[in-house]
């Protein structure tokens, strides 16, 4: 990954959509330029069902920077 994305934690990656407990298939890399440095990428996780909704939510705010398969996201180390 060419920019720093926050590592994701846990053995199971769960969709970030409210109330969803599905396995995440996608990582949405985003940045709020008012509070994050330009190279910083926060991560929301999305299942296939919620990918379009979460993409649109971040996109209308001009926060979305990239979408990658969840298995390509950096993982947190340790407990």
N, C-alpha and C. Protein backbone atom coordinates (compact mmCIF):
# COMPACT_ATOMS: atom_id res chain seq x y z
N UNK A 1 0.85 -1.17 0.00
CA UNK A 1 0.00 0.00 0.00
C UNK A 1 0.90 1.24 0.00
N UNK A 2 0.63 2.19 -0.85
CA UNK A 2 1.52 3.34 -1.01
C UNK A 2 1.33 4.41 0.07
N UNK A 3 0.23 4.40 0.79
CA UNK A 3 0.01 5.36 1.87
C UNK A 3 -0.22 4.58 3.17
N UNK A 4 -0.06 5.27 4.28
CA UNK A 4 -0.26 4.62 5.57
C UNK A 4 -1.75 4.47 5.86
N UNK A 5 -2.20 3.23 6.00
CA UNK A 5 -3.58 2.97 6.41
C UNK A 5 -3.54 2.44 7.83
N UNK A 6 -4.43 2.92 8.67
CA UNK A 6 -4.50 2.42 10.03
C UNK A 6 -4.66 0.90 10.00
N UNK A 7 -3.95 0.18 10.85
CA UNK A 7 -4.10 -1.28 10.87
C UNK A 7 -5.47 -1.67 11.42
N UNK A 8 -5.99 -2.77 10.92
CA UNK A 8 -7.25 -3.30 11.42
C UNK A 8 -6.94 -4.34 12.47
N UNK A 9 -7.84 -4.50 13.43
CA UNK A 9 -7.58 -5.33 14.60
C UNK A 9 -8.58 -6.48 14.65
N UNK A 10 -8.18 -7.55 15.28
CA UNK A 10 -9.08 -8.67 15.52
C UNK A 10 -8.88 -9.80 14.54
N UNK A 11 -9.34 -10.97 14.94
CA UNK A 11 -9.24 -12.15 14.08
C UNK A 11 -10.28 -12.12 12.97
N UNK A 12 -11.40 -11.48 13.25
CA UNK A 12 -12.50 -11.42 12.28
C UNK A 12 -12.77 -9.97 11.94
N UNK A 13 -12.77 -9.66 10.65
CA UNK A 13 -13.08 -8.30 10.20
C UNK A 13 -14.57 -8.22 9.92
N UNK A 14 -15.25 -7.31 10.62
CA UNK A 14 -16.71 -7.18 10.56
C UNK A 14 -17.06 -5.87 9.88
N UNK A 15 -18.08 -5.89 9.06
CA UNK A 15 -18.57 -4.71 8.35
C UNK A 15 -18.83 -3.56 9.32
N UNK A 16 -18.48 -2.35 8.90
CA UNK A 16 -18.66 -1.15 9.72
C UNK A 16 -20.07 -0.57 9.67
N UNK A 17 -20.93 -1.06 8.79
CA UNK A 17 -22.30 -0.55 8.71
C UNK A 17 -23.03 -0.84 10.02
N UNK A 18 -23.78 0.13 10.49
CA UNK A 18 -24.49 0.00 11.77
C UNK A 18 -25.35 -1.26 11.79
N UNK A 19 -25.12 -2.08 12.82
CA UNK A 19 -25.93 -3.27 13.02
C UNK A 19 -25.51 -4.48 12.21
N UNK A 20 -24.61 -4.33 11.26
CA UNK A 20 -24.19 -5.44 10.41
C UNK A 20 -23.12 -6.26 11.12
N UNK A 21 -23.25 -7.55 11.06
CA UNK A 21 -22.26 -8.46 11.65
C UNK A 21 -21.62 -9.36 10.60
N UNK A 22 -21.79 -9.00 9.33
CA UNK A 22 -21.23 -9.81 8.23
C UNK A 22 -19.72 -9.63 8.14
N UNK A 23 -19.06 -10.64 7.61
CA UNK A 23 -17.63 -10.54 7.37
C UNK A 23 -17.37 -9.46 6.33
N UNK A 24 -16.33 -8.68 6.59
CA UNK A 24 -15.96 -7.61 5.65
C UNK A 24 -15.17 -8.19 4.48
N UNK A 25 -15.49 -7.74 3.30
CA UNK A 25 -14.75 -8.13 2.10
C UNK A 25 -13.91 -6.98 1.56
N UNK A 26 -14.20 -5.76 2.04
CA UNK A 26 -13.57 -4.55 1.49
C UNK A 26 -13.10 -3.62 2.59
N UNK A 27 -12.04 -2.91 2.30
CA UNK A 27 -11.56 -1.84 3.16
C UNK A 27 -11.72 -0.53 2.43
N UNK A 28 -12.41 0.41 3.02
CA UNK A 28 -12.57 1.74 2.44
C UNK A 28 -11.59 2.67 3.15
N UNK A 29 -10.63 3.17 2.41
CA UNK A 29 -9.61 4.05 2.98
C UNK A 29 -10.07 5.48 2.80
N UNK A 30 -10.11 6.21 3.90
CA UNK A 30 -10.65 7.57 3.84
C UNK A 30 -9.81 8.50 4.70
N UNK A 31 -10.07 9.79 4.50
CA UNK A 31 -9.33 10.83 5.19
C UNK A 31 -10.20 12.07 5.26
N UNK A 32 -10.32 12.63 6.47
CA UNK A 32 -11.00 13.91 6.65
C UNK A 32 -9.90 14.97 6.69
N UNK A 33 -9.74 15.76 5.64
CA UNK A 33 -8.62 16.70 5.58
C UNK A 33 -8.65 17.78 6.67
N UNK A 34 -9.78 17.96 7.31
CA UNK A 34 -9.85 18.95 8.39
C UNK A 34 -9.18 18.46 9.68
N UNK A 35 -9.07 17.14 9.83
CA UNK A 35 -8.50 16.62 11.08
C UNK A 35 -7.35 15.63 10.88
N UNK A 36 -7.12 15.14 9.66
CA UNK A 36 -6.06 14.15 9.41
C UNK A 36 -4.98 14.75 8.51
N UNK A 37 -3.75 14.29 8.70
CA UNK A 37 -2.67 14.67 7.79
C UNK A 37 -2.96 14.07 6.42
N UNK A 38 -2.46 14.67 5.34
CA UNK A 38 -2.80 14.20 3.99
C UNK A 38 -2.50 12.73 3.71
N UNK A 39 -1.43 12.18 4.31
CA UNK A 39 -1.07 10.80 4.02
C UNK A 39 -1.82 9.78 4.88
N UNK A 40 -2.51 10.23 5.91
CA UNK A 40 -3.23 9.33 6.82
C UNK A 40 -4.45 8.73 6.14
N UNK A 41 -4.67 7.44 6.36
CA UNK A 41 -5.86 6.76 5.85
C UNK A 41 -6.52 6.01 6.99
N UNK A 42 -7.73 6.43 7.33
CA UNK A 42 -8.58 5.70 8.26
C UNK A 42 -9.23 4.57 7.46
N UNK A 43 -9.72 3.55 8.15
CA UNK A 43 -10.30 2.39 7.47
C UNK A 43 -11.69 2.10 8.00
N UNK A 44 -12.63 1.99 7.07
CA UNK A 44 -13.93 1.41 7.37
C UNK A 44 -13.98 0.09 6.63
N UNK A 45 -14.65 -0.87 7.21
CA UNK A 45 -14.79 -2.19 6.59
C UNK A 45 -16.19 -2.34 6.02
N UNK A 46 -16.29 -3.04 4.90
CA UNK A 46 -17.60 -3.22 4.26
C UNK A 46 -17.78 -4.65 3.76
N UNK A 47 -18.97 -5.17 3.99
CA UNK A 47 -19.36 -6.43 3.35
C UNK A 47 -19.84 -6.08 1.94
N UNK A 48 -20.07 -7.08 1.12
CA UNK A 48 -20.53 -6.81 -0.25
C UNK A 48 -21.86 -6.04 -0.26
N UNK A 49 -22.75 -6.36 0.67
CA UNK A 49 -24.07 -5.72 0.72
C UNK A 49 -23.98 -4.22 1.03
N UNK A 50 -23.06 -3.81 1.89
CA UNK A 50 -22.99 -2.41 2.31
C UNK A 50 -21.89 -1.60 1.62
N UNK A 51 -21.17 -2.22 0.70
CA UNK A 51 -20.08 -1.51 0.02
C UNK A 51 -20.58 -0.24 -0.67
N UNK A 52 -21.65 -0.32 -1.44
CA UNK A 52 -22.15 0.85 -2.18
C UNK A 52 -22.60 1.95 -1.22
N UNK A 53 -23.30 1.59 -0.15
CA UNK A 53 -23.80 2.58 0.81
C UNK A 53 -22.64 3.32 1.48
N UNK A 54 -21.67 2.57 2.00
CA UNK A 54 -20.55 3.20 2.69
C UNK A 54 -19.67 4.00 1.73
N UNK A 55 -19.52 3.51 0.50
CA UNK A 55 -18.77 4.24 -0.52
C UNK A 55 -19.44 5.57 -0.83
N UNK A 56 -20.75 5.56 -0.98
CA UNK A 56 -21.48 6.79 -1.26
C UNK A 56 -21.40 7.76 -0.08
N UNK A 57 -21.54 7.25 1.14
CA UNK A 57 -21.48 8.08 2.34
C UNK A 57 -20.16 8.84 2.42
N UNK A 58 -19.06 8.14 2.24
CA UNK A 58 -17.75 8.79 2.28
C UNK A 58 -17.50 9.64 1.04
N UNK A 59 -18.01 9.20 -0.10
CA UNK A 59 -17.80 9.91 -1.36
C UNK A 59 -18.45 11.28 -1.42
N UNK A 60 -19.66 11.41 -0.92
CA UNK A 60 -20.34 12.71 -0.97
C UNK A 60 -19.66 13.73 -0.08
N UNK A 61 -18.89 13.25 0.89
CA UNK A 61 -18.14 14.15 1.77
C UNK A 61 -16.71 14.38 1.26
N UNK A 62 -16.38 13.76 0.13
CA UNK A 62 -15.04 13.81 -0.47
C UNK A 62 -13.98 13.25 0.48
N UNK A 63 -14.36 12.26 1.29
CA UNK A 63 -13.42 11.63 2.21
C UNK A 63 -12.80 10.36 1.62
N UNK A 64 -13.51 9.66 0.74
CA UNK A 64 -13.05 8.38 0.22
C UNK A 64 -11.82 8.55 -0.66
N UNK A 65 -10.77 7.78 -0.36
CA UNK A 65 -9.52 7.85 -1.12
C UNK A 65 -9.27 6.59 -1.94
N UNK A 66 -9.68 5.41 -1.42
CA UNK A 66 -9.42 4.16 -2.13
C UNK A 66 -10.27 3.06 -1.52
N UNK A 67 -10.49 2.01 -2.30
CA UNK A 67 -11.17 0.81 -1.83
C UNK A 67 -10.30 -0.37 -2.19
N UNK A 68 -10.01 -1.22 -1.21
CA UNK A 68 -9.13 -2.37 -1.43
C UNK A 68 -9.77 -3.61 -0.83
N UNK A 69 -9.39 -4.80 -1.32
CA UNK A 69 -9.88 -6.02 -0.68
C UNK A 69 -9.42 -6.07 0.78
N UNK A 70 -10.28 -6.55 1.65
CA UNK A 70 -9.99 -6.58 3.09
C UNK A 70 -8.72 -7.37 3.40
N UNK A 71 -8.44 -8.39 2.63
CA UNK A 71 -7.25 -9.20 2.92
C UNK A 71 -5.94 -8.47 2.58
N UNK A 72 -6.01 -7.30 1.96
CA UNK A 72 -4.82 -6.50 1.67
C UNK A 72 -4.56 -5.42 2.72
N UNK A 73 -5.44 -5.29 3.70
CA UNK A 73 -5.27 -4.27 4.74
C UNK A 73 -4.19 -4.68 5.73
N UNK A 74 -3.43 -3.70 6.24
CA UNK A 74 -2.45 -4.03 7.28
C UNK A 74 -3.16 -4.46 8.56
N UNK A 75 -2.59 -5.44 9.23
CA UNK A 75 -3.20 -5.95 10.46
C UNK A 75 -2.41 -5.46 11.67
N UNK A 76 -3.12 -5.19 12.76
CA UNK A 76 -2.48 -4.78 14.00
C UNK A 76 -1.69 -5.97 14.56
N UNK A 77 -0.58 -5.66 15.21
CA UNK A 77 0.26 -6.69 15.80
C UNK A 77 0.02 -6.77 17.30
N UNK A 78 0.08 -7.95 17.84
CA UNK A 78 0.02 -8.11 19.28
C UNK A 78 -1.38 -8.06 19.86
N UNK A 79 -1.46 -8.18 21.20
CA UNK A 79 -2.77 -8.22 21.87
C UNK A 79 -3.48 -6.89 21.89
